[in-house]
């Protein structure tokens, strides 16, 4: 079961995260999200626990406890679409032309020539 953890102290690393969760059972993976530009923690992480009962116990025990200044949010992770494209109901090709923004788009697909 994949677990989402938010509200982590910014100096917490993968090893410390693993140590916190392994008290409840086996850990397949524990990864703190790192900002690519700064190399610093984003304050949230994902933990993968193969045993669902142990994962649910970890969620129940750790949710809303404080490791720093703010309480943790610990819950089952929600699956995200991995296509890299916007969802079908948000297609950029189906936008109505015109509108309040004043942008009319390039309606006849000709290039702009100054």
N, C-alpha and C. Protein backbone atom coordinates (compact mmCIF):
# COMPACT_ATOMS: atom_id res chain seq x y z
N UNK A 1 0.85 -1.18 0.00
CA UNK A 1 0.00 0.00 0.00
C UNK A 1 0.90 1.24 0.00
N UNK A 2 0.58 2.17 -0.87
CA UNK A 2 1.35 3.41 -0.94
C UNK A 2 0.71 4.46 -0.03
N UNK A 3 1.55 5.09 0.78
CA UNK A 3 1.10 6.06 1.78
C UNK A 3 1.68 7.44 1.45
N UNK A 4 0.84 8.46 1.54
CA UNK A 4 1.25 9.85 1.37
C UNK A 4 1.45 10.45 2.76
N UNK A 5 2.57 11.16 2.93
CA UNK A 5 2.88 11.78 4.22
C UNK A 5 3.22 13.25 3.96
N UNK A 6 2.48 14.16 4.59
CA UNK A 6 2.75 15.60 4.45
C UNK A 6 2.98 16.21 5.83
N UNK A 7 3.56 17.40 5.84
CA UNK A 7 3.85 18.09 7.09
C UNK A 7 5.16 17.67 7.71
N UNK A 8 6.04 17.08 6.89
CA UNK A 8 7.33 16.62 7.40
C UNK A 8 8.28 17.79 7.64
N UNK A 9 9.14 17.67 8.64
CA UNK A 9 10.19 18.67 8.80
C UNK A 9 11.08 18.66 7.55
N UNK A 10 11.55 19.82 7.14
CA UNK A 10 12.31 19.93 5.89
C UNK A 10 13.69 19.29 5.95
N UNK A 11 14.16 18.97 7.16
CA UNK A 11 15.48 18.33 7.27
C UNK A 11 15.38 16.80 7.42
N UNK A 12 14.18 16.24 7.34
CA UNK A 12 14.00 14.79 7.46
C UNK A 12 14.41 14.12 6.15
N UNK A 13 15.19 13.04 6.24
CA UNK A 13 15.64 12.34 5.02
C UNK A 13 14.97 10.97 4.90
N UNK A 14 15.27 10.25 3.80
CA UNK A 14 14.67 8.96 3.52
C UNK A 14 14.92 7.95 4.65
N UNK A 15 16.12 7.92 5.19
CA UNK A 15 16.47 6.96 6.24
C UNK A 15 15.65 7.21 7.50
N UNK A 16 15.49 8.47 7.87
CA UNK A 16 14.70 8.81 9.06
C UNK A 16 13.22 8.48 8.84
N UNK A 17 12.74 8.71 7.63
CA UNK A 17 11.36 8.38 7.29
C UNK A 17 11.14 6.87 7.40
N UNK A 18 12.08 6.10 6.88
CA UNK A 18 12.01 4.64 6.97
C UNK A 18 11.99 4.21 8.43
N UNK A 19 12.83 4.81 9.24
CA UNK A 19 12.91 4.46 10.67
C UNK A 19 11.56 4.70 11.37
N UNK A 20 10.89 5.77 11.02
CA UNK A 20 9.59 6.08 11.63
C UNK A 20 8.55 5.01 11.27
N UNK A 21 8.52 4.62 10.00
CA UNK A 21 7.48 3.70 9.53
C UNK A 21 7.80 2.23 9.78
N UNK A 22 9.06 1.85 9.89
CA UNK A 22 9.39 0.44 10.07
C UNK A 22 8.97 -0.10 11.43
N UNK A 23 8.60 0.77 12.34
CA UNK A 23 8.06 0.33 13.63
C UNK A 23 6.72 -0.38 13.45
N UNK A 24 6.07 -0.15 12.30
CA UNK A 24 4.76 -0.73 12.05
C UNK A 24 4.82 -1.94 11.12
N UNK A 25 5.97 -2.18 10.49
CA UNK A 25 6.10 -3.33 9.61
C UNK A 25 7.12 -3.10 8.51
N UNK A 26 7.07 -3.98 7.53
CA UNK A 26 8.03 -3.96 6.42
C UNK A 26 7.81 -2.74 5.52
N UNK A 27 8.92 -2.13 5.11
CA UNK A 27 8.91 -0.98 4.22
C UNK A 27 9.55 -1.40 2.90
N UNK A 28 8.81 -1.26 1.80
CA UNK A 28 9.37 -1.56 0.48
C UNK A 28 10.15 -0.36 -0.04
N UNK A 29 9.66 0.86 0.26
CA UNK A 29 10.34 2.08 -0.17
C UNK A 29 9.84 3.25 0.67
N UNK A 30 10.71 4.22 0.88
CA UNK A 30 10.35 5.46 1.57
C UNK A 30 11.13 6.58 0.91
N UNK A 31 10.43 7.53 0.33
CA UNK A 31 11.10 8.57 -0.45
C UNK A 31 10.53 9.95 -0.15
N UNK A 32 11.39 10.82 0.37
CA UNK A 32 11.03 12.21 0.61
C UNK A 32 11.11 12.95 -0.73
N UNK A 33 10.10 13.75 -1.04
CA UNK A 33 10.10 14.53 -2.28
C UNK A 33 11.11 15.67 -2.17
N UNK A 34 11.97 15.76 -3.19
CA UNK A 34 13.04 16.77 -3.21
C UNK A 34 12.81 17.73 -4.38
N UNK A 35 12.95 19.02 -4.12
CA UNK A 35 12.84 20.04 -5.17
C UNK A 35 14.05 19.92 -6.09
N UNK A 36 13.82 19.81 -7.38
CA UNK A 36 14.92 19.62 -8.34
C UNK A 36 15.86 20.81 -8.42
N UNK A 37 15.31 22.00 -8.25
CA UNK A 37 16.14 23.21 -8.38
C UNK A 37 16.97 23.48 -7.13
N UNK A 38 16.38 23.31 -5.95
CA UNK A 38 17.09 23.66 -4.71
C UNK A 38 17.75 22.46 -4.05
N UNK A 39 17.28 21.25 -4.37
CA UNK A 39 17.82 20.06 -3.73
C UNK A 39 17.32 19.87 -2.30
N UNK A 40 16.32 20.67 -1.89
CA UNK A 40 15.78 20.59 -0.53
C UNK A 40 14.44 19.87 -0.52
N UNK A 41 14.08 19.36 0.64
CA UNK A 41 12.82 18.65 0.81
C UNK A 41 11.63 19.57 0.53
N UNK A 42 10.57 18.97 -0.03
CA UNK A 42 9.33 19.70 -0.25
C UNK A 42 8.38 19.55 0.93
N UNK A 43 8.76 18.75 1.94
CA UNK A 43 7.94 18.60 3.13
C UNK A 43 6.91 17.48 3.04
N UNK A 44 6.98 16.69 1.97
CA UNK A 44 6.09 15.53 1.88
C UNK A 44 6.85 14.34 1.33
N UNK A 45 6.24 13.16 1.46
CA UNK A 45 6.93 11.93 1.07
C UNK A 45 5.92 10.84 0.74
N UNK A 46 6.45 9.74 0.19
CA UNK A 46 5.64 8.56 -0.07
C UNK A 46 6.35 7.37 0.55
N UNK A 47 5.55 6.51 1.18
CA UNK A 47 6.07 5.29 1.80
C UNK A 47 5.27 4.14 1.21
N UNK A 48 5.97 3.09 0.81
CA UNK A 48 5.31 1.91 0.25
C UNK A 48 5.48 0.75 1.24
N UNK A 49 4.34 0.26 1.73
CA UNK A 49 4.35 -0.87 2.67
C UNK A 49 3.57 -2.02 2.03
N UNK A 50 4.20 -3.17 1.84
CA UNK A 50 3.55 -4.28 1.15
C UNK A 50 2.36 -4.89 1.92
N UNK A 51 2.37 -4.81 3.24
CA UNK A 51 1.30 -5.38 4.04
C UNK A 51 0.26 -4.31 4.36
N UNK A 52 -0.95 -4.48 3.82
CA UNK A 52 -2.00 -3.47 3.97
C UNK A 52 -2.38 -3.22 5.44
N UNK A 53 -2.47 -4.27 6.24
CA UNK A 53 -2.85 -4.10 7.64
C UNK A 53 -1.81 -3.28 8.39
N UNK A 54 -0.53 -3.55 8.13
CA UNK A 54 0.54 -2.77 8.77
C UNK A 54 0.50 -1.31 8.30
N UNK A 55 0.22 -1.11 7.02
CA UNK A 55 0.13 0.25 6.48
C UNK A 55 -1.02 1.02 7.13
N UNK A 56 -2.16 0.36 7.27
CA UNK A 56 -3.32 1.03 7.90
C UNK A 56 -3.03 1.36 9.36
N UNK A 57 -2.29 0.49 10.04
CA UNK A 57 -1.91 0.77 11.43
C UNK A 57 -0.97 1.98 11.49
N UNK A 58 -0.03 2.06 10.56
CA UNK A 58 0.89 3.21 10.51
C UNK A 58 0.12 4.50 10.26
N UNK A 59 -0.84 4.46 9.33
CA UNK A 59 -1.64 5.64 9.03
C UNK A 59 -2.39 6.09 10.28
N UNK A 60 -3.06 5.15 10.93
CA UNK A 60 -3.86 5.48 12.11
C UNK A 60 -2.99 6.02 13.24
N UNK A 61 -1.81 5.45 13.42
CA UNK A 61 -0.93 5.85 14.52
C UNK A 61 -0.20 7.16 14.27
N UNK A 62 0.17 7.42 13.03
CA UNK A 62 1.02 8.58 12.74
C UNK A 62 0.26 9.81 12.27
N UNK A 63 -0.95 9.65 11.77
CA UNK A 63 -1.71 10.81 11.30
C UNK A 63 -1.98 11.76 12.46
N UNK A 64 -1.70 13.03 12.22
CA UNK A 64 -1.97 14.12 13.15
C UNK A 64 -1.00 14.21 14.32
N UNK A 65 0.13 13.47 14.29
CA UNK A 65 1.15 13.68 15.32
C UNK A 65 2.11 14.76 14.82
N UNK A 66 2.84 15.37 15.73
CA UNK A 66 3.79 16.42 15.34
C UNK A 66 5.21 15.92 15.42
N UNK A 67 5.94 16.10 14.32
CA UNK A 67 7.37 15.82 14.32
C UNK A 67 8.15 17.13 14.34
N UNK A 68 7.46 18.21 14.11
CA UNK A 68 8.09 19.52 14.08
C UNK A 68 7.05 20.55 14.47
N UNK A 69 6.93 21.57 13.65
CA UNK A 69 6.01 22.67 13.96
C UNK A 69 4.56 22.36 13.58
N UNK A 70 4.36 21.45 12.63
CA UNK A 70 2.99 21.18 12.19
C UNK A 70 2.68 19.69 12.26
N UNK A 71 1.40 19.35 12.38
CA UNK A 71 1.03 17.94 12.47
C UNK A 71 1.17 17.23 11.12
N UNK A 72 1.47 15.95 11.18
CA UNK A 72 1.58 15.15 9.96
C UNK A 72 0.19 14.86 9.39
N UNK A 73 0.14 14.76 8.09
CA UNK A 73 -1.03 14.24 7.38
C UNK A 73 -0.55 12.93 6.77
N UNK A 74 -1.13 11.83 7.22
CA UNK A 74 -0.72 10.51 6.75
C UNK A 74 -1.98 9.80 6.25
N UNK A 75 -1.98 9.44 4.97
CA UNK A 75 -3.16 8.80 4.38
C UNK A 75 -2.75 7.94 3.19
N UNK A 76 -3.67 7.12 2.74
CA UNK A 76 -3.40 6.30 1.56
C UNK A 76 -3.20 7.22 0.37
N UNK A 77 -2.16 6.98 -0.40
CA UNK A 77 -1.86 7.81 -1.57
C UNK A 77 -2.92 7.56 -2.64
N UNK A 78 -3.27 8.63 -3.35
CA UNK A 78 -4.21 8.54 -4.45
C UNK A 78 -3.43 8.37 -5.74
N UNK A 79 -3.90 7.49 -6.61
CA UNK A 79 -3.24 7.28 -7.90
C UNK A 79 -3.48 8.47 -8.81
N UNK A 80 -2.44 8.86 -9.53
CA UNK A 80 -2.53 9.96 -10.50
C UNK A 80 -2.35 9.40 -11.89
N UNK A 81 -3.01 10.02 -12.88
CA UNK A 81 -2.75 9.58 -14.26
C UNK A 81 -1.29 9.86 -14.61
N UNK A 82 -0.65 8.94 -15.31
CA UNK A 82 0.77 9.09 -15.60
C UNK A 82 1.04 9.37 -17.08
N UNK A 83 0.07 9.89 -17.80
CA UNK A 83 0.24 10.11 -19.24
C UNK A 83 1.06 11.34 -19.55
N UNK A 84 1.11 12.30 -18.63
CA UNK A 84 1.83 13.53 -18.90
C UNK A 84 1.00 14.51 -19.72
N UNK A 85 -0.21 14.12 -20.05
CA UNK A 85 -1.11 14.99 -20.80
C UNK A 85 -2.27 15.42 -19.90
N UNK A 86 -2.93 16.53 -20.25
CA UNK A 86 -4.08 16.92 -19.45
C UNK A 86 -5.20 15.89 -19.59
N UNK A 87 -6.02 15.74 -18.57
CA UNK A 87 -7.14 14.80 -18.67
C UNK A 87 -8.04 15.15 -19.85
N UNK A 88 -8.74 14.16 -20.37
CA UNK A 88 -9.56 14.33 -21.57
C UNK A 88 -10.58 15.45 -21.42
N UNK A 89 -11.13 15.63 -20.23
CA UNK A 89 -12.14 16.67 -20.05
C UNK A 89 -11.55 18.07 -19.95
N UNK A 90 -10.23 18.19 -20.01
CA UNK A 90 -9.58 19.50 -19.96
C UNK A 90 -8.76 19.74 -21.21
N UNK A 91 -9.17 19.20 -22.32
CA UNK A 91 -8.42 19.32 -23.56
C UNK A 91 -8.33 20.78 -23.98
N UNK A 92 -7.15 21.17 -24.39
CA UNK A 92 -6.94 22.54 -24.83
C UNK A 92 -7.47 22.77 -26.25
N UNK A 93 -7.73 21.70 -26.98
CA UNK A 93 -8.24 21.84 -28.35
C UNK A 93 -9.73 22.11 -28.39
N UNK A 94 -10.43 21.91 -27.29
CA UNK A 94 -11.87 22.08 -27.26
C UNK A 94 -12.30 23.39 -26.62
N UNK A 95 -11.40 24.33 -26.49
CA UNK A 95 -11.76 25.61 -25.90
C UNK A 95 -12.62 26.40 -26.87
N UNK A 96 -13.60 27.10 -26.34
CA UNK A 96 -14.40 27.96 -27.23
C UNK A 96 -13.56 29.13 -27.71
N UNK A 97 -13.77 29.54 -28.92
CA UNK A 97 -13.05 30.68 -29.47
C UNK A 97 -13.63 31.96 -28.90
N UNK A 98 -12.80 32.98 -28.80
CA UNK A 98 -13.27 34.26 -28.28
C UNK A 98 -13.30 34.22 -26.78
N UNK A 99 -14.29 34.85 -26.21
CA UNK A 99 -14.43 34.84 -24.76
C UNK A 99 -14.03 36.18 -24.16
N UNK A 100 -14.06 36.25 -22.86
CA UNK A 100 -13.84 37.51 -22.18
C UNK A 100 -12.37 37.94 -22.19
N UNK A 101 -11.46 37.03 -22.47
CA UNK A 101 -10.06 37.41 -22.44
C UNK A 101 -9.66 38.25 -23.64
N UNK A 102 -10.45 38.21 -24.68
CA UNK A 102 -10.14 38.97 -25.88
C UNK A 102 -9.23 38.23 -26.83
N UNK A 103 -8.67 37.13 -26.41
CA UNK A 103 -7.79 36.36 -27.29
C UNK A 103 -8.64 35.57 -28.27
N UNK A 104 -8.40 35.77 -29.54
CA UNK A 104 -9.20 35.11 -30.57
C UNK A 104 -8.50 33.91 -31.15
N UNK A 105 -7.24 33.72 -30.84
CA UNK A 105 -6.51 32.58 -31.37
C UNK A 105 -6.23 32.73 -32.86
N UNK A 106 -5.70 31.73 -33.46
CA UNK A 106 -5.38 31.72 -34.87
C UNK A 106 -6.40 30.83 -35.55
N UNK A 107 -7.55 31.39 -35.90
CA UNK A 107 -8.69 30.60 -36.33
C UNK A 107 -8.49 29.89 -37.65
N UNK A 108 -7.73 30.45 -38.56
CA UNK A 108 -7.60 29.80 -39.86
C UNK A 108 -6.21 29.19 -40.08
N UNK A 109 -5.47 29.01 -39.02
CA UNK A 109 -4.17 28.34 -39.04
C UNK A 109 -3.16 28.99 -40.00
N UNK A 110 -3.27 30.27 -40.24
CA UNK A 110 -2.26 30.97 -41.04
C UNK A 110 -1.25 31.59 -40.10
N UNK A 111 -0.05 31.77 -40.58
CA UNK A 111 0.98 32.36 -39.75
C UNK A 111 0.78 33.87 -39.64
N UNK A 112 1.19 34.39 -38.52
CA UNK A 112 1.13 35.83 -38.32
C UNK A 112 2.23 36.47 -39.15
N UNK A 113 1.89 37.44 -39.95
CA UNK A 113 2.89 38.16 -40.73
C UNK A 113 2.82 39.64 -40.39
N UNK A 114 3.91 40.21 -39.88
CA UNK A 114 3.91 41.63 -39.49
C UNK A 114 3.82 42.55 -40.68
